[in-house]
């Protein structure tokens, strides 16, 4: 009898000892941490998080982003956001469908006799600062409906922060099952986002969802022991591991080529898009074209459209990279015109 009683007592003793030990480590970490010098960041790496990373963390905090094993993150299916101060997604409620798209509800299986156009992109194609009805995906849907009512379903599968790597993975795992006939690949600008201590590797080297995207991030970050360990890890990172951008140029070209290969394999067509911004906005400002995927065809050089506006290009933008409703209208018309010229509409 005494032997049987000793085992649970021993288990309790071990558990209590472990808790006391962790508690002692936590207290020790809290005592030591303030006196530890902050590790110097590797060359070309900002000590603080980049703005895009801060926004991504906030999107997780408020439930907009969902951690994803394939794409690292994506918009949460069924998410709804009412307008708040600043109207990040317009002045009307922003609702995502069951796929996490900023589009009307769509069935998984493509309806008979309907063609689908899938848009992959970052925050600009998603429609930051504008209402859902004003995003160029909606403009494009209206123009297609005017040509052939009910013949097309436009699916806005863009995700703020996504790179060409994430767009490719999104297409592979979520886009192809929706049986698109046309894919508009409007990605590239986010490839050049700088890495930081909390996002220390290029996208293609990230083997799992980043730690800060996990559900326990905020809880763990409150622990001095966690922060002490994190500082030690950050101090061991080398410039080779950390410096640079999320998608280096050679990887970007691989991603774009892989999208073309998927198109051939699965029988859909792909339209590559340029990325456009402006030097100044909400007024006079010239176009600032930082990314053109001219190596791949067919290609819509939307930069050329805004360059043709001269200093008037800035009137169509809310900030350096996000168009206003009028800018989205111009882009939607340009996409429709290109598809029509290619003979893909009829």
C-alpha atoms as a PDB file:
ATOM      1  CA  UNK A   1       0.000   0.000   0.000  1.00  0.00           C
ATOM      2  CA  UNK A   2       2.765   2.439   0.944  1.00  0.00           C
ATOM      3  CA  UNK A   3       4.504   1.787  -2.406  1.00  0.00           C
ATOM      4  CA  UNK A   4       1.330   2.630  -4.324  1.00  0.00           C
ATOM      5  CA  UNK A   5       0.918   5.869  -2.385  1.00  0.00           C
ATOM      6  CA  UNK A   6       4.520   6.891  -2.926  1.00  0.00           C
ATOM      7  CA  UNK A   7       4.195   7.063  -6.711  1.00  0.00           C
ATOM      8  CA  UNK A   8       1.550   9.807  -6.874  1.00  0.00           C
ATOM      9  CA  UNK A   9       3.377  11.628  -4.104  1.00  0.00           C
ATOM     10  CA  UNK A  10       6.572  11.405  -6.126  1.00  0.00           C
ATOM     11  CA  UNK A  11       4.777  12.711  -9.226  1.00  0.00           C
ATOM     12  CA  UNK A  12       3.405  15.649  -7.271  1.00  0.00           C
ATOM     13  CA  UNK A  13       6.838  16.338  -5.821  1.00  0.00           C
ATOM     14  CA  UNK A  14       8.433  16.337  -9.292  1.00  0.00           C
ATOM     15  CA  UNK A  15       5.721  18.590 -10.730  1.00  0.00           C
ATOM     16  CA  UNK A  16       6.004  21.058  -7.871  1.00  0.00           C
ATOM     17  CA  UNK A  17       9.788  21.046  -8.170  1.00  0.00           C
ATOM     18  CA  UNK A  18       9.581  21.816 -11.890  1.00  0.00           C
ATOM     19  CA  UNK A  19       7.154  24.682 -11.297  1.00  0.00           C
ATOM     20  CA  UNK A  20       9.347  26.086  -8.551  1.00  0.00           C
ATOM     21  CA  UNK A  21      12.384  25.745 -10.799  1.00  0.00           C
ATOM     22  CA  UNK A  22      10.687  27.559 -13.702  1.00  0.00           C
ATOM     23  CA  UNK A  23       9.489  30.211 -11.298  1.00  0.00           C
ATOM     24  CA  UNK A  24      13.017  30.726 -10.045  1.00  0.00           C
ATOM     25  CA  UNK A  25      14.281  30.991 -13.634  1.00  0.00           C
ATOM     26  CA  UNK A  26      11.560  33.516 -14.438  1.00  0.00           C
ATOM     27  CA  UNK A  27      12.464  35.630 -11.418  1.00  0.00           C
ATOM     28  CA  UNK A  28      16.119  35.374 -12.296  1.00  0.00           C
ATOM     29  CA  UNK A  29      15.413  36.401 -15.878  1.00  0.00           C
ATOM     30  CA  UNK A  30      13.447  39.414 -14.689  1.00  0.00           C
ATOM     31  CA  UNK A  31      16.349  40.427 -12.473  1.00  0.00           C
ATOM     32  CA  UNK A  32      18.954  39.978 -15.196  1.00  0.00           C
ATOM     33  CA  UNK A  33      17.082  41.171 -18.275  1.00  0.00           C
ATOM     34  CA  UNK A  34      17.089  44.907 -17.526  1.00  0.00           C
ATOM     35  CA  UNK A  35      20.888  44.836 -17.123  1.00  0.00           C
ATOM     36  CA  UNK A  36      21.549  42.927 -20.351  1.00  0.00           C
ATOM     37  CA  UNK A  37      22.739  45.107 -23.222  1.00  0.00           C
ATOM     38  CA  UNK A  38      20.499  44.817 -26.267  1.00  0.00           C
ATOM     39  CA  UNK A  39      22.252  42.806 -28.998  1.00  0.00           C
ATOM     40  CA  UNK A  40      23.349  44.895 -31.916  1.00  0.00           C
ATOM     41  CA  UNK A  41      21.224  44.133 -34.990  1.00  0.00           C
ATOM     42  CA  UNK A  42      23.033  42.628 -37.968  1.00  0.00           C
ATOM     43  CA  UNK A  43      24.031  45.074 -40.721  1.00  0.00           C
ATOM     44  CA  UNK A  44      21.138  46.551 -42.694  1.00  0.00           C
ATOM     45  CA  UNK A  45      18.598  45.188 -40.228  1.00  0.00           C
ATOM     46  CA  UNK A  46      16.430  47.664 -38.312  1.00  0.00           C
ATOM     47  CA  UNK A  47      16.313  47.055 -34.584  1.00  0.00           C
ATOM     48  CA  UNK A  48      12.582  47.769 -34.490  1.00  0.00           C
ATOM     49  CA  UNK A  49       9.981  45.914 -36.538  1.00  0.00           C
ATOM     50  CA  UNK A  50       9.227  47.212 -40.001  1.00  0.00           C
ATOM     51  CA  UNK A  51       5.845  48.924 -40.418  1.00  0.00           C
ATOM     52  CA  UNK A  52       4.457  46.073 -42.517  1.00  0.00           C
ATOM     53  CA  UNK A  53       5.284  43.589 -39.774  1.00  0.00           C
ATOM     54  CA  UNK A  54       3.641  45.715 -37.094  1.00  0.00           C
ATOM     55  CA  UNK A  55       0.489  45.888 -39.212  1.00  0.00           C
ATOM     56  CA  UNK A  56       0.578  42.121 -39.758  1.00  0.00           C
ATOM     57  CA  UNK A  57       0.771  41.525 -36.015  1.00  0.00           C
ATOM     58  CA  UNK A  58      -2.170  43.837 -35.420  1.00  0.00           C
ATOM     59  CA  UNK A  59      -4.151  41.980 -38.093  1.00  0.00           C
ATOM     60  CA  UNK A  60      -3.567  38.735 -36.181  1.00  0.00           C
ATOM     61  CA  UNK A  61      -4.487  40.395 -32.896  1.00  0.00           C
ATOM     62  CA  UNK A  62      -7.843  41.613 -34.196  1.00  0.00           C
ATOM     63  CA  UNK A  63      -8.677  38.364 -35.990  1.00  0.00           C
ATOM     64  CA  UNK A  64      -8.339  39.559 -39.578  1.00  0.00           C
ATOM     65  CA  UNK A  65      -5.445  37.216 -40.398  1.00  0.00           C
ATOM     66  CA  UNK A  66      -5.459  33.475 -39.961  1.00  0.00           C
ATOM     67  CA  UNK A  67      -2.126  31.645 -39.551  1.00  0.00           C
ATOM     68  CA  UNK A  68      -1.716  29.244 -42.455  1.00  0.00           C
ATOM     69  CA  UNK A  69       0.723  26.392 -42.963  1.00  0.00           C
ATOM     70  CA  UNK A  70       1.001  27.055 -46.700  1.00  0.00           C
ATOM     71  CA  UNK A  71       0.906  30.834 -47.052  1.00  0.00           C
ATOM     72  CA  UNK A  72       1.998  31.834 -43.518  1.00  0.00           C
ATOM     73  CA  UNK A  73      -1.147  33.958 -43.233  1.00  0.00           C
ATOM     74  CA  UNK A  74      -4.323  34.708 -45.129  1.00  0.00           C
ATOM     75  CA  UNK A  75      -7.555  36.640 -44.488  1.00  0.00           C
ATOM     76  CA  UNK A  76      -9.909  34.803 -42.147  1.00  0.00           C
ATOM     77  CA  UNK A  77     -12.964  33.285 -43.894  1.00  0.00           C
ATOM     78  CA  UNK A  78     -16.186  34.957 -42.811  1.00  0.00           C
ATOM     79  CA  UNK A  79     -14.412  37.938 -41.241  1.00  0.00           C
ATOM     80  CA  UNK A  80     -16.389  41.156 -40.877  1.00  0.00           C
ATOM     81  CA  UNK A  81     -15.076  44.587 -40.024  1.00  0.00           C
ATOM     82  CA  UNK A  82     -17.232  47.629 -39.442  1.00  0.00           C
ATOM     83  CA  UNK A  83     -15.709  51.008 -40.293  1.00  0.00           C
ATOM     84  CA  UNK A  84     -13.421  52.375 -37.616  1.00  0.00           C
ATOM     85  CA  UNK A  85     -11.453  55.578 -37.378  1.00  0.00           C
ATOM     86  CA  UNK A  86      -9.418  56.003 -40.537  1.00  0.00           C
ATOM     87  CA  UNK A  87     -11.646  53.697 -42.612  1.00  0.00           C
ATOM     88  CA  UNK A  88      -8.828  51.276 -43.447  1.00  0.00           C
ATOM     89  CA  UNK A  89     -11.141  49.284 -45.708  1.00  0.00           C
ATOM     90  CA  UNK A  90     -13.560  52.002 -46.687  1.00  0.00           C
ATOM     91  CA  UNK A  91     -16.540  53.660 -45.077  1.00  0.00           C
ATOM     92  CA  UNK A  92     -18.826  50.630 -45.345  1.00  0.00           C
ATOM     93  CA  UNK A  93     -18.673  47.246 -43.550  1.00  0.00           C
ATOM     94  CA  UNK A  94     -16.041  44.967 -45.053  1.00  0.00           C
ATOM     95  CA  UNK A  95     -17.121  41.314 -45.201  1.00  0.00           C
ATOM     96  CA  UNK A  96     -15.076  38.338 -46.434  1.00  0.00           C
ATOM     97  CA  UNK A  97     -16.768  35.290 -47.907  1.00  0.00           C
ATOM     98  CA  UNK A  98     -16.329  31.653 -46.889  1.00  0.00           C
ATOM     99  CA  UNK A  99     -12.998  31.491 -48.758  1.00  0.00           C
ATOM    100  CA  UNK A 100     -11.585  34.611 -47.102  1.00  0.00           C
ATOM    101  CA  UNK A 101     -12.079  36.565 -50.338  1.00  0.00           C
ATOM    102  CA  UNK A 102     -13.288  40.133 -50.557  1.00  0.00           C
ATOM    103  CA  UNK A 103     -16.009  39.009 -52.920  1.00  0.00           C
ATOM    104  CA  UNK A 104     -19.624  37.823 -52.771  1.00  0.00           C
ATOM    105  CA  UNK A 105     -20.175  34.252 -51.512  1.00  0.00           C
ATOM    106  CA  UNK A 106     -18.931  31.674 -54.004  1.00  0.00           C
ATOM    107  CA  UNK A 107     -19.408  27.925 -54.001  1.00  0.00           C
ATOM    108  CA  UNK A 108     -16.340  25.712 -53.917  1.00  0.00           C
ATOM    109  CA  UNK A 109     -17.430  23.969 -57.093  1.00  0.00           C
ATOM    110  CA  UNK A 110     -17.644  26.183 -60.155  1.00  0.00           C
ATOM    111  CA  UNK A 111     -21.225  26.512 -61.438  1.00  0.00           C
ATOM    112  CA  UNK A 112     -21.891  25.008 -64.841  1.00  0.00           C
ATOM    113  CA  UNK A 113     -21.500  27.490 -67.672  1.00  0.00           C
ATOM    114  CA  UNK A 114     -19.657  30.038 -65.503  1.00  0.00           C
ATOM    115  CA  UNK A 115     -16.069  31.143 -65.914  1.00  0.00           C
ATOM    116  CA  UNK A 116     -13.964  32.272 -62.990  1.00  0.00           C
ATOM    117  CA  UNK A 117     -11.345  35.002 -62.740  1.00  0.00           C
ATOM    118  CA  UNK A 118      -9.123  34.782 -59.655  1.00  0.00           C
ATOM    119  CA  UNK A 119      -7.134  37.805 -58.467  1.00  0.00           C
ATOM    120  CA  UNK A 120      -4.044  37.190 -56.338  1.00  0.00           C
ATOM    121  CA  UNK A 121      -2.335  40.191 -54.815  1.00  0.00           C
ATOM    122  CA  UNK A 122      -1.390  42.196 -51.756  1.00  0.00           C
ATOM    123  CA  UNK A 123      -3.101  45.040 -49.915  1.00  0.00           C
ATOM    124  CA  UNK A 124      -3.634  47.153 -53.026  1.00  0.00           C
ATOM    125  CA  UNK A 125      -5.646  44.567 -55.022  1.00  0.00           C
ATOM    126  CA  UNK A 126      -7.369  43.635 -51.748  1.00  0.00           C
ATOM    127  CA  UNK A 127      -8.589  47.224 -51.588  1.00  0.00           C
ATOM    128  CA  UNK A 128      -7.088  49.104 -48.678  1.00  0.00           C
ATOM    129  CA  UNK A 129      -8.804  52.463 -48.052  1.00  0.00           C
ATOM    130  CA  UNK A 130     -11.731  51.825 -50.411  1.00  0.00           C
ATOM    131  CA  UNK A 131     -15.145  50.177 -50.189  1.00  0.00           C
ATOM    132  CA  UNK A 132     -15.676  46.688 -51.567  1.00  0.00           C
ATOM    133  CA  UNK A 133     -17.775  48.048 -54.435  1.00  0.00           C
ATOM    134  CA  UNK A 134     -14.867  50.332 -55.411  1.00  0.00           C
ATOM    135  CA  UNK A 135     -12.033  47.762 -55.527  1.00  0.00           C
ATOM    136  CA  UNK A 136     -10.881  47.033 -59.070  1.00  0.00           C
ATOM    137  CA  UNK A 137     -12.102  43.440 -58.733  1.00  0.00           C
ATOM    138  CA  UNK A 138     -15.648  44.802 -58.366  1.00  0.00           C
ATOM    139  CA  UNK A 139     -15.119  47.230 -61.253  1.00  0.00           C
ATOM    140  CA  UNK A 140     -13.983  44.296 -63.375  1.00  0.00           C
ATOM    141  CA  UNK A 141     -16.976  42.181 -62.312  1.00  0.00           C
ATOM    142  CA  UNK A 142     -19.373  44.954 -63.353  1.00  0.00           C
ATOM    143  CA  UNK A 143     -17.747  45.304 -66.763  1.00  0.00           C
ATOM    144  CA  UNK A 144     -17.828  41.566 -67.363  1.00  0.00           C
ATOM    145  CA  UNK A 145     -21.500  41.484 -66.346  1.00  0.00           C
ATOM    146  CA  UNK A 146     -22.262  44.247 -68.829  1.00  0.00           C
ATOM    147  CA  UNK A 147     -20.669  42.193 -71.596  1.00  0.00           C
ATOM    148  CA  UNK A 148     -22.201  38.849 -70.598  1.00  0.00           C
ATOM    149  CA  UNK A 149     -24.492  38.873 -67.535  1.00  0.00           C
ATOM    150  CA  UNK A 150     -23.844  35.949 -65.193  1.00  0.00           C
ATOM    151  CA  UNK A 151     -21.044  34.481 -67.303  1.00  0.00           C
ATOM    152  CA  UNK A 152     -18.170  35.383 -64.963  1.00  0.00           C
ATOM    153  CA  UNK A 153     -17.357  35.191 -61.269  1.00  0.00           C
ATOM    154  CA  UNK A 154     -14.513  37.455 -60.147  1.00  0.00           C
ATOM    155  CA  UNK A 155     -12.860  36.186 -56.964  1.00  0.00           C
ATOM    156  CA  UNK A 156     -10.672  38.662 -55.067  1.00  0.00           C
ATOM    157  CA  UNK A 157      -8.260  36.327 -53.251  1.00  0.00           C
ATOM    158  CA  UNK A 158      -5.702  39.052 -52.504  1.00  0.00           C
ATOM    159  CA  UNK A 159      -4.159  39.262 -49.038  1.00  0.00           C
ATOM    160  CA  UNK A 160      -2.414  42.270 -47.479  1.00  0.00           C
ATOM    161  CA  UNK A 161       1.308  41.659 -47.118  1.00  0.00           C
ATOM    162  CA  UNK A 162       1.501  38.774 -49.565  1.00  0.00           C
ATOM    163  CA  UNK A 163       4.534  38.299 -51.795  1.00  0.00           C
ATOM    164  CA  UNK A 164       4.945  36.359 -55.050  1.00  0.00           C
ATOM    165  CA  UNK A 165       5.951  33.373 -52.896  1.00  0.00           C
ATOM    166  CA  UNK A 166       2.741  33.519 -50.881  1.00  0.00           C
ATOM    167  CA  UNK A 167       0.686  34.145 -54.016  1.00  0.00           C
ATOM    168  CA  UNK A 168       2.155  31.051 -55.628  1.00  0.00           C
ATOM    169  CA  UNK A 169       1.406  28.947 -52.545  1.00  0.00           C
ATOM    170  CA  UNK A 170      -2.100  30.389 -52.333  1.00  0.00           C
ATOM    171  CA  UNK A 171      -2.709  29.453 -55.955  1.00  0.00           C
ATOM    172  CA  UNK A 172      -1.394  25.930 -55.426  1.00  0.00           C
ATOM    173  CA  UNK A 173      -3.396  25.122 -52.312  1.00  0.00           C
ATOM    174  CA  UNK A 174      -6.509  27.301 -52.486  1.00  0.00           C
ATOM    175  CA  UNK A 175      -6.827  28.791 -55.963  1.00  0.00           C
ATOM    176  CA  UNK A 176      -6.607  25.776 -58.248  1.00  0.00           C
ATOM    177  CA  UNK A 177      -9.382  23.852 -56.419  1.00  0.00           C
ATOM    178  CA  UNK A 178     -11.721  26.760 -57.326  1.00  0.00           C
ATOM    179  CA  UNK A 179     -11.148  25.954 -61.030  1.00  0.00           C
ATOM    180  CA  UNK A 180     -10.171  29.415 -62.294  1.00  0.00           C
ATOM    181  CA  UNK A 181     -10.205  30.111 -66.004  1.00  0.00           C
ATOM    182  CA  UNK A 182      -8.087  33.261 -65.656  1.00  0.00           C
ATOM    183  CA  UNK A 183      -5.676  34.261 -62.893  1.00  0.00           C
ATOM    184  CA  UNK A 184      -4.584  37.885 -62.490  1.00  0.00           C
ATOM    185  CA  UNK A 185      -1.255  37.717 -60.660  1.00  0.00           C
ATOM    186  CA  UNK A 186      -0.908  41.190 -59.167  1.00  0.00           C
ATOM    187  CA  UNK A 187       2.074  40.655 -56.866  1.00  0.00           C
ATOM    188  CA  UNK A 188       5.676  41.772 -56.529  1.00  0.00           C
ATOM    189  CA  UNK A 189       5.894  45.003 -54.555  1.00  0.00           C
ATOM    190  CA  UNK A 190       5.888  43.231 -51.177  1.00  0.00           C
ATOM    191  CA  UNK A 191       8.809  41.076 -52.315  1.00  0.00           C
ATOM    192  CA  UNK A 192      11.072  44.020 -51.537  1.00  0.00           C
ATOM    193  CA  UNK A 193       9.957  44.414 -47.914  1.00  0.00           C
ATOM    194  CA  UNK A 194      12.993  44.436 -45.638  1.00  0.00           C
ATOM    195  CA  UNK A 195      13.524  41.692 -43.111  1.00  0.00           C
ATOM    196  CA  UNK A 196      13.649  42.387 -39.392  1.00  0.00           C
ATOM    197  CA  UNK A 197      14.533  40.605 -36.176  1.00  0.00           C
ATOM    198  CA  UNK A 198      11.027  39.114 -36.024  1.00  0.00           C
ATOM    199  CA  UNK A 199      11.041  38.063 -39.685  1.00  0.00           C
ATOM    200  CA  UNK A 200      14.653  37.077 -40.163  1.00  0.00           C
ATOM    201  CA  UNK A 201      14.487  34.827 -43.220  1.00  0.00           C
ATOM    202  CA  UNK A 202      13.278  35.229 -46.799  1.00  0.00           C
ATOM    203  CA  UNK A 203       9.864  33.723 -47.477  1.00  0.00           C
ATOM    204  CA  UNK A 204      11.150  30.624 -49.233  1.00  0.00           C
ATOM    205  CA  UNK A 205      13.310  29.751 -46.198  1.00  0.00           C
ATOM    206  CA  UNK A 206      10.455  29.967 -43.705  1.00  0.00           C
ATOM    207  CA  UNK A 207       9.625  26.322 -42.979  1.00  0.00           C
ATOM    208  CA  UNK A 208       6.642  27.040 -40.730  1.00  0.00           C
ATOM    209  CA  UNK A 209       4.302  29.795 -39.628  1.00  0.00           C
ATOM    210  CA  UNK A 210       6.457  32.515 -38.015  1.00  0.00           C
ATOM    211  CA  UNK A 211       6.463  32.375 -34.242  1.00  0.00           C
ATOM    212  CA  UNK A 212       4.832  35.783 -33.927  1.00  0.00           C
ATOM    213  CA  UNK A 213       1.841  34.485 -35.881  1.00  0.00           C
ATOM    214  CA  UNK A 214       1.158  31.728 -33.373  1.00  0.00           C
ATOM    215  CA  UNK A 215      -1.741  31.894 -30.934  1.00  0.00           C
ATOM    216  CA  UNK A 216       0.576  32.048 -27.898  1.00  0.00           C
ATOM    217  CA  UNK A 217       2.681  34.966 -29.109  1.00  0.00           C
ATOM    218  CA  UNK A 218       1.176  37.621 -26.844  1.00  0.00           C
ATOM    219  CA  UNK A 219       1.166  35.334 -23.785  1.00  0.00           C
ATOM    220  CA  UNK A 220       4.746  34.225 -24.282  1.00  0.00           C
ATOM    221  CA  UNK A 221       5.939  37.739 -24.991  1.00  0.00           C
ATOM    222  CA  UNK A 222       4.812  38.723 -21.499  1.00  0.00           C
ATOM    223  CA  UNK A 223       7.321  36.332 -19.955  1.00  0.00           C
ATOM    224  CA  UNK A 224      10.730  37.713 -19.034  1.00  0.00           C
ATOM    225  CA  UNK A 225      12.208  34.227 -19.533  1.00  0.00           C
ATOM    226  CA  UNK A 226      10.838  34.127 -23.078  1.00  0.00           C
ATOM    227  CA  UNK A 227      12.217  37.600 -23.800  1.00  0.00           C
ATOM    228  CA  UNK A 228      15.602  36.651 -22.385  1.00  0.00           C
ATOM    229  CA  UNK A 229      15.783  33.562 -24.621  1.00  0.00           C
ATOM    230  CA  UNK A 230      14.591  35.606 -27.606  1.00  0.00           C
ATOM    231  CA  UNK A 231      17.356  38.168 -27.078  1.00  0.00           C
ATOM    232  CA  UNK A 232      19.902  35.367 -26.973  1.00  0.00           C
ATOM    233  CA  UNK A 233      18.573  33.924 -30.230  1.00  0.00           C
ATOM    234  CA  UNK A 234      18.530  37.338 -31.895  1.00  0.00           C
ATOM    235  CA  UNK A 235      22.155  37.879 -30.875  1.00  0.00           C
ATOM    236  CA  UNK A 236      23.232  34.711 -32.696  1.00  0.00           C
ATOM    237  CA  UNK A 237      21.639  35.594 -36.015  1.00  0.00           C
ATOM    238  CA  UNK A 238      24.067  36.413 -38.755  1.00  0.00           C
ATOM    239  CA  UNK A 239      23.709  38.936 -41.565  1.00  0.00           C
ATOM    240  CA  UNK A 240      23.511  36.030 -44.009  1.00  0.00           C
ATOM    241  CA  UNK A 241      20.455  34.749 -42.163  1.00  0.00           C
ATOM    242  CA  UNK A 242      18.779  38.081 -41.655  1.00  0.00           C
ATOM    243  CA  UNK A 243      19.774  40.905 -43.952  1.00  0.00           C
ATOM    244  CA  UNK A 244      17.927  41.448 -47.205  1.00  0.00           C
ATOM    245  CA  UNK A 245      14.349  41.300 -48.422  1.00  0.00           C
ATOM    246  CA  UNK A 246      11.487  38.864 -48.190  1.00  0.00           C
ATOM    247  CA  UNK A 247      11.778  37.622 -51.784  1.00  0.00           C
ATOM    248  CA  UNK A 248      15.149  38.145 -53.534  1.00  0.00           C
ATOM    249  CA  UNK A 249      15.005  38.762 -57.278  1.00  0.00           C
ATOM    250  CA  UNK A 250      16.049  35.206 -58.337  1.00  0.00           C
ATOM    251  CA  UNK A 251      13.319  33.713 -56.148  1.00  0.00           C
ATOM    252  CA  UNK A 252      10.749  36.143 -57.544  1.00  0.00           C
ATOM    253  CA  UNK A 253      11.508  34.964 -61.064  1.00  0.00           C
ATOM    254  CA  UNK A 254      11.152  31.343 -59.942  1.00  0.00           C
ATOM    255  CA  UNK A 255       7.774  32.113 -58.408  1.00  0.00           C
ATOM    256  CA  UNK A 256       6.484  33.804 -61.546  1.00  0.00           C
ATOM    257  CA  UNK A 257       7.722  30.936 -63.722  1.00  0.00           C
ATOM    258  CA  UNK A 258       6.037  28.439 -61.388  1.00  0.00           C
ATOM    259  CA  UNK A 259       2.728  30.273 -61.775  1.00  0.00           C
ATOM    260  CA  UNK A 260       3.052  29.927 -65.551  1.00  0.00           C
ATOM    261  CA  UNK A 261       3.824  26.228 -65.192  1.00  0.00           C
ATOM    262  CA  UNK A 262       0.703  25.731 -63.065  1.00  0.00           C
ATOM    263  CA  UNK A 263      -1.340  27.521 -65.718  1.00  0.00           C
ATOM    264  CA  UNK A 264      -0.147  25.098 -68.380  1.00  0.00           C
ATOM    265  CA  UNK A 265      -0.658  22.101 -66.122  1.00  0.00           C
ATOM    266  CA  UNK A 266      -4.183  22.990 -65.002  1.00  0.00           C
ATOM    267  CA  UNK A 267      -5.494  24.718 -68.111  1.00  0.00           C
ATOM    268  CA  UNK A 268      -6.048  28.287 -66.921  1.00  0.00           C
ATOM    269  CA  UNK A 269      -4.617  31.519 -68.283  1.00  0.00           C
ATOM    270  CA  UNK A 270      -2.522  33.960 -66.276  1.00  0.00           C
ATOM    271  CA  UNK A 271      -2.147  37.721 -66.673  1.00  0.00           C
ATOM    272  CA  UNK A 272       0.893  39.213 -64.942  1.00  0.00           C
ATOM    273  CA  UNK A 273       0.562  42.724 -63.544  1.00  0.00           C
ATOM    274  CA  UNK A 274       3.043  45.520 -62.939  1.00  0.00           C
ATOM    275  CA  UNK A 275       3.135  47.206 -59.530  1.00  0.00           C
ATOM    276  CA  UNK A 276       2.554  50.938 -59.401  1.00  0.00           C
ATOM    277  CA  UNK A 277       2.882  53.688 -56.814  1.00  0.00           C
ATOM    278  CA  UNK A 278       3.299  57.455 -56.809  1.00  0.00           C
ATOM    279  CA  UNK A 279       5.910  59.862 -55.509  1.00  0.00           C
ATOM    280  CA  UNK A 280       3.278  62.093 -53.861  1.00  0.00           C
ATOM    281  CA  UNK A 281      -0.458  61.504 -53.466  1.00  0.00           C
ATOM    282  CA  UNK A 282      -3.812  63.172 -52.810  1.00  0.00           C
ATOM    283  CA  UNK A 283      -2.675  65.765 -55.295  1.00  0.00           C
ATOM    284  CA  UNK A 284      -0.004  66.260 -57.972  1.00  0.00           C
ATOM    285  CA  UNK A 285       2.518  63.457 -58.101  1.00  0.00           C
ATOM    286  CA  UNK A 286       4.255  61.354 -60.723  1.00  0.00           C
ATOM    287  CA  UNK A 287       3.992  57.577 -60.973  1.00  0.00           C
ATOM    288  CA  UNK A 288       6.689  55.565 -59.231  1.00  0.00           C
ATOM    289  CA  UNK A 289       6.978  52.213 -60.984  1.00  0.00           C
ATOM    290  CA  UNK A 290       9.128  49.956 -58.854  1.00  0.00           C
ATOM    291  CA  UNK A 291       8.264  46.554 -60.266  1.00  0.00           C
ATOM    292  CA  UNK A 292       7.635  45.309 -63.787  1.00  0.00           C
ATOM    293  CA  UNK A 293       7.512  41.588 -64.598  1.00  0.00           C
ATOM    294  CA  UNK A 294       8.280  42.167 -68.268  1.00  0.00           C
ATOM    295  CA  UNK A 295       9.999  38.782 -68.536  1.00  0.00           C
ATOM    296  CA  UNK A 296       6.607  37.074 -68.514  1.00  0.00           C
ATOM    297  CA  UNK A 297       3.708  37.308 -70.935  1.00  0.00           C
ATOM    298  CA  UNK A 298       0.944  38.260 -71.181  1.00  0.00           C
ATOM    299  CA  UNK A 299       1.761  41.284 -69.091  1.00  0.00           C
ATOM    300  CA  UNK A 300      -0.262  44.377 -68.246  1.00  0.00           C
ATOM    301  CA  UNK A 301       1.998  47.357 -67.632  1.00  0.00           C
ATOM    302  CA  UNK A 302      -0.352  49.324 -65.430  1.00  0.00           C
ATOM    303  CA  UNK A 303       2.605  51.601 -64.663  1.00  0.00           C
ATOM    304  CA  UNK A 304       2.490  52.854 -68.233  1.00  0.00           C
ATOM    305  CA  UNK A 305      -1.104  53.975 -67.721  1.00  0.00           C
ATOM    306  CA  UNK A 306      -0.242  56.077 -64.676  1.00  0.00           C
ATOM    307  CA  UNK A 307       3.011  57.360 -66.166  1.00  0.00           C
ATOM    308  CA  UNK A 308       0.891  58.725 -68.993  1.00  0.00           C
ATOM    309  CA  UNK A 309      -1.000  60.857 -66.466  1.00  0.00           C
ATOM    310  CA  UNK A 310       2.164  62.782 -65.620  1.00  0.00           C
ATOM    311  CA  UNK A 311       1.898  64.719 -62.362  1.00  0.00           C
ATOM    312  CA  UNK A 312      -1.816  63.885 -62.274  1.00  0.00           C
ATOM    313  CA  UNK A 313      -1.116  60.291 -61.192  1.00  0.00           C
ATOM    314  CA  UNK A 314      -1.012  61.317 -57.538  1.00  0.00           C
ATOM    315  CA  UNK A 315      -4.662  62.335 -57.679  1.00  0.00           C
ATOM    316  CA  UNK A 316      -5.576  58.646 -57.938  1.00  0.00           C
ATOM    317  CA  UNK A 317      -3.782  57.466 -54.796  1.00  0.00           C
ATOM    318  CA  UNK A 318      -4.464  57.592 -51.061  1.00  0.00           C
ATOM    319  CA  UNK A 319      -0.835  56.900 -50.117  1.00  0.00           C
ATOM    320  CA  UNK A 320       2.357  55.862 -51.984  1.00  0.00           C
ATOM    321  CA  UNK A 321       1.054  52.439 -53.073  1.00  0.00           C
ATOM    322  CA  UNK A 322      -2.736  52.296 -52.583  1.00  0.00           C
ATOM    323  CA  UNK A 323      -5.103  53.728 -55.169  1.00  0.00           C
ATOM    324  CA  UNK A 324      -8.318  55.533 -54.293  1.00  0.00           C
ATOM    325  CA  UNK A 325     -11.685  54.630 -55.826  1.00  0.00           C
ATOM    326  CA  UNK A 326     -10.901  56.551 -59.016  1.00  0.00           C
ATOM    327  CA  UNK A 327      -7.545  54.791 -59.314  1.00  0.00           C
ATOM    328  CA  UNK A 328      -9.155  51.381 -58.858  1.00  0.00           C
ATOM    329  CA  UNK A 329     -11.666  52.294 -61.547  1.00  0.00           C
ATOM    330  CA  UNK A 330      -8.845  53.047 -64.000  1.00  0.00           C
ATOM    331  CA  UNK A 331      -7.105  49.764 -63.140  1.00  0.00           C
ATOM    332  CA  UNK A 332     -10.292  47.719 -63.483  1.00  0.00           C
ATOM    333  CA  UNK A 333     -10.945  49.228 -66.897  1.00  0.00           C
ATOM    334  CA  UNK A 334      -7.355  48.544 -67.961  1.00  0.00           C
ATOM    335  CA  UNK A 335      -7.541  44.900 -66.853  1.00  0.00           C
ATOM    336  CA  UNK A 336     -10.811  44.436 -68.727  1.00  0.00           C
ATOM    337  CA  UNK A 337      -9.330  46.061 -71.827  1.00  0.00           C
ATOM    338  CA  UNK A 338      -6.286  43.760 -71.734  1.00  0.00           C
ATOM    339  CA  UNK A 339      -8.412  40.652 -71.285  1.00  0.00           C
ATOM    340  CA  UNK A 340     -10.615  41.781 -74.149  1.00  0.00           C
ATOM    341  CA  UNK A 341      -7.614  42.416 -76.404  1.00  0.00           C
ATOM    342  CA  UNK A 342      -6.329  38.921 -75.583  1.00  0.00           C
ATOM    343  CA  UNK A 343      -9.696  37.431 -76.550  1.00  0.00           C
ATOM    344  CA  UNK A 344     -10.235  35.991 -73.075  1.00  0.00           C
ATOM    345  CA  UNK A 345     -13.540  37.724 -72.322  1.00  0.00           C
ATOM    346  CA  UNK A 346     -15.823  36.260 -75.001  1.00  0.00           C
END
